[in-house]
N, C-alpha and C. Protein backbone atom coordinates (compact mmCIF):
# COMPACT_ATOMS: atom_id res chain seq x y z
N MET A 1 0.82 -1.19 0.00
CA MET A 1 0.00 0.00 0.00
C MET A 1 0.87 1.26 0.00
N ALA A 2 1.97 1.22 0.74
CA ALA A 2 2.87 2.38 0.79
C ALA A 2 3.44 2.68 -0.59
N ALA A 3 3.75 1.64 -1.36
CA ALA A 3 4.27 1.84 -2.71
C ALA A 3 3.22 2.47 -3.61
N ALA A 4 1.98 2.06 -3.47
CA ALA A 4 0.90 2.63 -4.29
C ALA A 4 0.69 4.10 -3.96
N LEU A 5 0.76 4.46 -2.69
CA LEU A 5 0.59 5.86 -2.30
C LEU A 5 1.75 6.74 -2.74
N ALA A 6 2.90 6.13 -3.01
CA ALA A 6 4.06 6.90 -3.46
C ALA A 6 3.98 7.25 -4.94
N LEU A 7 3.04 6.64 -5.67
CA LEU A 7 2.90 6.94 -7.10
C LEU A 7 2.40 8.35 -7.29
N PRO A 8 2.87 9.05 -8.32
CA PRO A 8 2.39 10.41 -8.59
C PRO A 8 0.89 10.40 -8.83
N GLY A 9 0.22 11.41 -8.29
CA GLY A 9 -1.21 11.55 -8.51
C GLY A 9 -2.06 10.82 -7.49
N LEU A 10 -1.47 9.99 -6.64
CA LEU A 10 -2.23 9.28 -5.61
C LEU A 10 -1.88 9.85 -4.24
N ALA A 11 -2.30 11.07 -4.00
CA ALA A 11 -2.00 11.73 -2.74
C ALA A 11 -3.19 11.61 -1.80
N ILE A 12 -2.94 11.71 -0.53
CA ILE A 12 -4.00 11.69 0.46
C ILE A 12 -4.78 12.99 0.34
N ALA A 13 -6.10 12.91 0.45
CA ALA A 13 -6.98 14.06 0.23
C ALA A 13 -6.62 15.24 1.12
N SER A 14 -6.20 15.00 2.36
CA SER A 14 -5.89 16.11 3.26
C SER A 14 -4.65 16.89 2.81
N ALA A 15 -3.85 16.30 1.93
CA ALA A 15 -2.66 16.98 1.43
C ALA A 15 -2.94 17.81 0.19
N ALA A 16 -4.19 17.74 -0.30
CA ALA A 16 -4.54 18.50 -1.50
C ALA A 16 -4.45 20.00 -1.21
N ARG A 17 -3.93 20.76 -2.17
CA ARG A 17 -3.79 22.20 -2.00
C ARG A 17 -4.47 22.92 -3.14
N GLY A 18 -4.96 24.09 -2.84
CA GLY A 18 -5.52 24.94 -3.87
C GLY A 18 -4.42 25.74 -4.54
N GLU A 19 -4.82 26.65 -5.38
CA GLU A 19 -3.83 27.51 -6.02
C GLU A 19 -3.27 28.49 -5.00
N THR A 20 -2.08 28.95 -5.25
CA THR A 20 -1.47 29.93 -4.36
C THR A 20 -1.21 31.21 -5.14
N PRO A 21 -1.37 32.34 -4.47
CA PRO A 21 -1.11 33.62 -5.15
C PRO A 21 0.38 33.78 -5.42
N PRO A 22 0.73 34.59 -6.41
CA PRO A 22 2.16 34.82 -6.67
C PRO A 22 2.78 35.56 -5.50
N ASP A 23 4.07 35.34 -5.29
CA ASP A 23 4.76 36.02 -4.19
C ASP A 23 5.66 37.15 -4.67
N GLN A 24 5.71 37.37 -5.99
CA GLN A 24 6.52 38.47 -6.52
C GLN A 24 5.90 39.00 -7.81
N THR A 25 6.26 40.20 -8.15
CA THR A 25 5.78 40.83 -9.39
C THR A 25 6.51 40.22 -10.58
N THR A 26 5.76 39.97 -11.64
CA THR A 26 6.34 39.44 -12.88
C THR A 26 6.02 40.41 -14.01
N ILE A 27 7.05 40.74 -14.78
CA ILE A 27 6.88 41.57 -15.98
C ILE A 27 7.63 40.87 -17.11
N ALA A 28 6.95 40.66 -18.24
CA ALA A 28 7.58 39.97 -19.37
C ALA A 28 7.23 40.68 -20.67
N PHE A 29 8.16 40.66 -21.60
CA PHE A 29 7.96 41.25 -22.92
C PHE A 29 8.24 40.20 -23.97
N GLN A 30 7.52 40.30 -25.08
CA GLN A 30 7.71 39.36 -26.19
C GLN A 30 7.56 40.12 -27.49
N GLN A 31 8.37 39.79 -28.46
CA GLN A 31 8.29 40.40 -29.79
C GLN A 31 8.12 39.29 -30.82
N LEU A 32 7.00 39.28 -31.51
CA LEU A 32 6.75 38.32 -32.57
C LEU A 32 7.00 39.01 -33.91
N TYR A 33 7.73 38.35 -34.77
CA TYR A 33 7.94 38.86 -36.13
C TYR A 33 7.80 37.70 -37.09
N TYR A 34 6.96 37.86 -38.10
CA TYR A 34 6.71 36.81 -39.08
C TYR A 34 6.75 37.44 -40.47
N ARG A 35 7.40 36.75 -41.40
CA ARG A 35 7.46 37.24 -42.78
C ARG A 35 7.21 36.06 -43.71
N ASP A 36 6.31 36.24 -44.66
CA ASP A 36 5.98 35.22 -45.65
C ASP A 36 6.48 35.70 -47.00
N GLU A 37 7.28 34.88 -47.65
CA GLU A 37 7.82 35.25 -48.96
C GLU A 37 7.50 34.18 -49.99
N GLN A 38 7.38 34.62 -51.22
CA GLN A 38 7.30 33.72 -52.36
C GLN A 38 8.41 34.16 -53.29
N PRO A 39 8.80 33.32 -54.24
CA PRO A 39 9.94 33.67 -55.10
C PRO A 39 9.85 35.09 -55.66
N GLY A 40 10.81 35.92 -55.26
CA GLY A 40 10.90 37.27 -55.77
C GLY A 40 9.95 38.28 -55.15
N GLN A 41 9.13 37.85 -54.18
CA GLN A 41 8.16 38.77 -53.59
C GLN A 41 8.02 38.54 -52.09
N GLN A 42 7.95 39.64 -51.36
CA GLN A 42 7.62 39.55 -49.95
C GLN A 42 6.12 39.72 -49.86
N ARG A 43 5.42 38.71 -49.34
CA ARG A 43 3.97 38.73 -49.36
C ARG A 43 3.34 39.31 -48.10
N MET A 44 3.73 38.86 -46.93
CA MET A 44 3.12 39.28 -45.67
C MET A 44 4.17 39.55 -44.62
N ARG A 45 3.86 40.51 -43.74
CA ARG A 45 4.73 40.80 -42.61
C ARG A 45 3.85 41.08 -41.40
N VAL A 46 4.15 40.43 -40.29
CA VAL A 46 3.40 40.62 -39.05
C VAL A 46 4.39 40.94 -37.94
N GLN A 47 4.11 42.01 -37.22
CA GLN A 47 4.91 42.38 -36.05
C GLN A 47 3.94 42.51 -34.88
N SER A 48 4.31 41.94 -33.74
CA SER A 48 3.40 41.97 -32.61
C SER A 48 4.17 42.01 -31.29
N PRO A 49 4.48 43.19 -30.79
CA PRO A 49 5.08 43.26 -29.46
C PRO A 49 3.98 43.07 -28.41
N ALA A 50 4.34 42.44 -27.29
CA ALA A 50 3.38 42.21 -26.22
C ALA A 50 4.06 42.38 -24.87
N ALA A 51 3.28 42.81 -23.88
CA ALA A 51 3.78 42.96 -22.52
C ALA A 51 2.80 42.27 -21.58
N TYR A 52 3.34 41.52 -20.61
CA TYR A 52 2.54 40.82 -19.61
C TYR A 52 3.01 41.26 -18.24
N TRP A 53 2.07 41.41 -17.31
CA TRP A 53 2.44 41.73 -15.95
C TRP A 53 1.52 40.99 -14.98
N GLN A 54 2.08 40.68 -13.83
CA GLN A 54 1.31 40.07 -12.75
C GLN A 54 1.83 40.65 -11.44
N VAL A 55 0.92 41.20 -10.65
CA VAL A 55 1.30 41.87 -9.41
C VAL A 55 0.53 41.24 -8.25
N PRO A 56 1.23 40.74 -7.23
CA PRO A 56 0.53 40.20 -6.07
C PRO A 56 -0.13 41.33 -5.26
N VAL A 57 -1.27 41.02 -4.66
CA VAL A 57 -1.95 41.96 -3.78
C VAL A 57 -2.03 41.29 -2.42
N LYS A 58 -1.27 41.82 -1.49
CA LYS A 58 -1.10 41.22 -0.15
C LYS A 58 -0.71 39.76 -0.35
N ASP A 59 -1.29 38.85 0.38
CA ASP A 59 -0.96 37.43 0.22
C ASP A 59 -2.15 36.63 -0.29
N VAL A 60 -3.16 37.32 -0.83
CA VAL A 60 -4.40 36.60 -1.17
C VAL A 60 -4.92 36.84 -2.58
N ALA A 61 -4.29 37.73 -3.33
CA ALA A 61 -4.84 38.07 -4.64
C ALA A 61 -3.73 38.46 -5.61
N ALA A 62 -4.12 38.63 -6.86
CA ALA A 62 -3.18 39.07 -7.89
C ALA A 62 -3.94 39.80 -8.98
N ILE A 63 -3.28 40.75 -9.57
CA ILE A 63 -3.81 41.45 -10.75
C ILE A 63 -2.83 41.18 -11.88
N GLU A 64 -3.35 40.76 -13.03
CA GLU A 64 -2.48 40.48 -14.17
C GLU A 64 -3.08 41.05 -15.44
N GLY A 65 -2.22 41.28 -16.42
CA GLY A 65 -2.71 41.83 -17.67
C GLY A 65 -1.77 41.53 -18.82
N LEU A 66 -2.32 41.67 -20.01
CA LEU A 66 -1.57 41.47 -21.25
C LEU A 66 -1.97 42.57 -22.21
N ALA A 67 -1.00 43.23 -22.80
CA ALA A 67 -1.26 44.26 -23.80
C ALA A 67 -0.43 43.93 -25.05
N THR A 68 -1.05 44.10 -26.21
CA THR A 68 -0.34 43.83 -27.46
C THR A 68 -0.79 44.82 -28.53
N SER A 69 0.07 45.01 -29.51
CA SER A 69 -0.22 45.88 -30.64
C SER A 69 0.33 45.20 -31.89
N GLU A 70 -0.56 44.70 -32.72
CA GLU A 70 -0.14 43.97 -33.93
C GLU A 70 -0.21 44.86 -35.15
N SER A 71 0.71 44.64 -36.04
CA SER A 71 0.74 45.32 -37.32
C SER A 71 0.90 44.26 -38.41
N ILE A 72 -0.07 44.20 -39.33
CA ILE A 72 -0.05 43.23 -40.42
C ILE A 72 -0.07 44.01 -41.73
N SER A 73 0.86 43.68 -42.61
CA SER A 73 0.87 44.36 -43.91
C SER A 73 1.36 43.41 -44.98
N GLY A 74 0.99 43.69 -46.20
CA GLY A 74 1.43 42.89 -47.33
C GLY A 74 0.32 42.70 -48.34
N ALA A 75 0.39 41.58 -49.03
CA ALA A 75 -0.58 41.28 -50.07
C ALA A 75 -1.01 39.83 -49.92
N SER A 76 -2.13 39.51 -50.52
CA SER A 76 -2.58 38.13 -50.49
C SER A 76 -1.60 37.27 -51.29
N PRO A 77 -1.55 35.97 -51.01
CA PRO A 77 -0.58 35.10 -51.70
C PRO A 77 -0.70 35.20 -53.22
N TYR A 78 0.45 35.18 -53.89
CA TYR A 78 0.52 35.34 -55.34
C TYR A 78 -0.29 34.27 -56.08
N TYR A 79 -0.23 33.05 -55.60
CA TYR A 79 -0.90 31.95 -56.30
C TYR A 79 -2.34 31.75 -55.86
N PHE A 80 -2.73 32.33 -54.73
CA PHE A 80 -4.07 32.11 -54.18
C PHE A 80 -4.72 33.43 -53.84
N ASN A 81 -5.06 34.24 -54.79
CA ASN A 81 -5.68 35.52 -54.55
C ASN A 81 -7.18 35.33 -54.43
N THR A 82 -7.69 35.38 -53.18
CA THR A 82 -9.11 35.20 -52.94
C THR A 82 -9.86 36.52 -52.90
N LEU A 83 -9.17 37.62 -53.08
CA LEU A 83 -9.80 38.93 -53.03
C LEU A 83 -10.17 39.37 -54.45
N SER A 84 -11.13 38.69 -55.04
CA SER A 84 -11.49 38.97 -56.43
C SER A 84 -11.93 40.42 -56.60
N GLY A 85 -11.35 41.09 -57.53
CA GLY A 85 -11.67 42.48 -57.82
C GLY A 85 -11.01 43.48 -56.89
N ALA A 86 -10.37 43.02 -55.85
CA ALA A 86 -9.71 43.93 -54.91
C ALA A 86 -8.22 44.00 -55.23
N SER A 87 -7.57 44.97 -54.65
CA SER A 87 -6.14 45.15 -54.91
C SER A 87 -5.30 44.03 -54.32
N GLY A 88 -5.80 43.38 -53.28
CA GLY A 88 -5.03 42.34 -52.63
C GLY A 88 -4.09 42.87 -51.56
N LEU A 89 -4.00 44.18 -51.38
CA LEU A 89 -3.13 44.75 -50.35
C LEU A 89 -3.84 44.73 -49.00
N ILE A 90 -3.09 44.35 -47.98
CA ILE A 90 -3.64 44.28 -46.63
C ILE A 90 -2.81 45.16 -45.73
N ARG A 91 -3.47 45.96 -44.93
CA ARG A 91 -2.80 46.77 -43.91
C ARG A 91 -3.75 46.85 -42.72
N GLU A 92 -3.40 46.17 -41.65
CA GLU A 92 -4.24 46.09 -40.46
C GLU A 92 -3.41 46.41 -39.22
N ASN A 93 -4.04 47.02 -38.27
CA ASN A 93 -3.45 47.25 -36.96
C ASN A 93 -4.44 46.80 -35.90
N ARG A 94 -3.96 46.17 -34.86
CA ARG A 94 -4.82 45.75 -33.76
C ARG A 94 -4.15 46.09 -32.45
N HIS A 95 -4.93 46.67 -31.55
CA HIS A 95 -4.45 47.01 -30.22
C HIS A 95 -5.37 46.30 -29.23
N ALA A 96 -4.80 45.56 -28.30
CA ALA A 96 -5.62 44.79 -27.37
C ALA A 96 -5.05 44.84 -25.96
N ILE A 97 -5.94 44.76 -24.99
CA ILE A 97 -5.56 44.68 -23.59
C ILE A 97 -6.52 43.72 -22.89
N ASP A 98 -5.98 42.95 -21.96
CA ASP A 98 -6.76 41.98 -21.20
C ASP A 98 -6.28 42.06 -19.76
N VAL A 99 -7.19 42.34 -18.82
CA VAL A 99 -6.83 42.52 -17.42
C VAL A 99 -7.69 41.58 -16.57
N LYS A 100 -7.08 40.98 -15.53
CA LYS A 100 -7.81 40.05 -14.67
C LYS A 100 -7.35 40.22 -13.23
N ALA A 101 -8.31 40.18 -12.29
CA ALA A 101 -8.03 40.19 -10.86
C ALA A 101 -8.48 38.85 -10.29
N THR A 102 -7.59 38.21 -9.52
CA THR A 102 -7.88 36.89 -8.96
C THR A 102 -7.75 36.92 -7.45
N ARG A 103 -8.72 36.33 -6.75
CA ARG A 103 -8.67 36.16 -5.30
C ARG A 103 -8.49 34.67 -5.03
N PHE A 104 -7.44 34.34 -4.27
CA PHE A 104 -7.11 32.95 -3.98
C PHE A 104 -7.62 32.55 -2.60
N PHE A 105 -8.09 31.31 -2.50
CA PHE A 105 -8.52 30.70 -1.25
C PHE A 105 -7.73 29.42 -1.05
N ASP A 106 -7.95 28.73 0.07
CA ASP A 106 -7.19 27.50 0.34
C ASP A 106 -7.34 26.47 -0.77
N ARG A 107 -8.55 26.25 -1.25
CA ARG A 107 -8.77 25.21 -2.25
C ARG A 107 -9.53 25.73 -3.47
N ALA A 108 -9.49 27.03 -3.71
CA ALA A 108 -10.23 27.60 -4.84
C ALA A 108 -9.67 28.97 -5.20
N ALA A 109 -10.17 29.49 -6.31
CA ALA A 109 -9.83 30.85 -6.74
C ALA A 109 -10.99 31.39 -7.54
N ILE A 110 -11.25 32.68 -7.40
CA ILE A 110 -12.26 33.33 -8.23
C ILE A 110 -11.59 34.53 -8.90
N ALA A 111 -12.06 34.85 -10.11
CA ALA A 111 -11.45 35.95 -10.86
C ALA A 111 -12.50 36.67 -11.69
N ILE A 112 -12.24 37.94 -11.91
CA ILE A 112 -13.03 38.72 -12.86
C ILE A 112 -12.06 39.41 -13.80
N GLY A 113 -12.50 39.64 -15.02
CA GLY A 113 -11.61 40.27 -15.99
C GLY A 113 -12.37 41.00 -17.07
N ALA A 114 -11.61 41.75 -17.84
CA ALA A 114 -12.16 42.50 -18.97
C ALA A 114 -11.11 42.55 -20.07
N ALA A 115 -11.59 42.59 -21.31
CA ALA A 115 -10.70 42.65 -22.47
C ALA A 115 -11.27 43.63 -23.48
N ASP A 116 -10.37 44.26 -24.22
CA ASP A 116 -10.76 45.19 -25.27
C ASP A 116 -9.78 45.01 -26.43
N SER A 117 -10.30 44.91 -27.64
CA SER A 117 -9.47 44.76 -28.83
C SER A 117 -10.04 45.64 -29.94
N GLN A 118 -9.18 46.42 -30.57
CA GLN A 118 -9.61 47.31 -31.65
C GLN A 118 -8.78 47.05 -32.89
N GLU A 119 -9.47 46.94 -34.02
CA GLU A 119 -8.82 46.84 -35.33
C GLU A 119 -9.37 47.95 -36.21
N ASN A 120 -8.90 47.99 -37.45
CA ASN A 120 -9.34 49.04 -38.36
C ASN A 120 -10.85 49.03 -38.56
N ASP A 121 -11.46 47.83 -38.60
CA ASP A 121 -12.86 47.75 -38.97
C ASP A 121 -13.79 47.21 -37.88
N PHE A 122 -13.30 46.91 -36.70
CA PHE A 122 -14.20 46.49 -35.63
C PHE A 122 -13.55 46.60 -34.26
N ARG A 123 -14.41 46.52 -33.24
CA ARG A 123 -13.96 46.57 -31.85
C ARG A 123 -14.62 45.42 -31.10
N SER A 124 -13.86 44.75 -30.27
CA SER A 124 -14.37 43.64 -29.48
C SER A 124 -14.14 43.94 -28.00
N GLN A 125 -15.18 43.76 -27.19
CA GLN A 125 -15.06 43.97 -25.76
C GLN A 125 -15.64 42.75 -25.05
N ALA A 126 -15.05 42.38 -23.92
CA ALA A 126 -15.52 41.20 -23.21
C ALA A 126 -15.35 41.37 -21.70
N LEU A 127 -16.26 40.76 -20.96
CA LEU A 127 -16.16 40.64 -19.51
C LEU A 127 -16.16 39.15 -19.19
N ARG A 128 -15.50 38.76 -18.10
CA ARG A 128 -15.50 37.35 -17.75
C ARG A 128 -15.43 37.18 -16.24
N ALA A 129 -15.93 36.01 -15.81
CA ALA A 129 -15.86 35.61 -14.41
C ALA A 129 -15.38 34.15 -14.41
N GLU A 130 -14.51 33.81 -13.47
CA GLU A 130 -13.98 32.47 -13.38
C GLU A 130 -14.11 31.96 -11.96
N ALA A 131 -14.33 30.68 -11.82
CA ALA A 131 -14.29 30.02 -10.51
C ALA A 131 -13.52 28.71 -10.71
N ARG A 132 -12.48 28.51 -9.90
CA ARG A 132 -11.67 27.30 -10.00
C ARG A 132 -11.65 26.63 -8.63
N ILE A 133 -11.89 25.34 -8.62
CA ILE A 133 -11.88 24.57 -7.37
C ILE A 133 -10.85 23.46 -7.50
């Protein structure tokens, strides 16, 4: 029986733990760059810098967020032009932010958040609630 209890995933229920809040601030940056080429032509270019942060609040909560700004430019693929009658040139920009606040408990966590994303031709907004046990 002792050998069976030593196997990963077979822990005694009283040893189960919930999520724990972060104990330090985290800040991270990422730069995405993508380029699509066909012989003799540069077709698409995407640049997307992003920043992420997570800040502990006392010992029971955290606030985190992600912000990004994408830039897409170029033309539709040379061999597969699906934009009939159009120039085929694409130029898009998107700016987005997503923020979430989480409250941690011994065996659970609850969170609320909001997101906003804007492009040249539309805007998307969202609210969310999470419960994790």
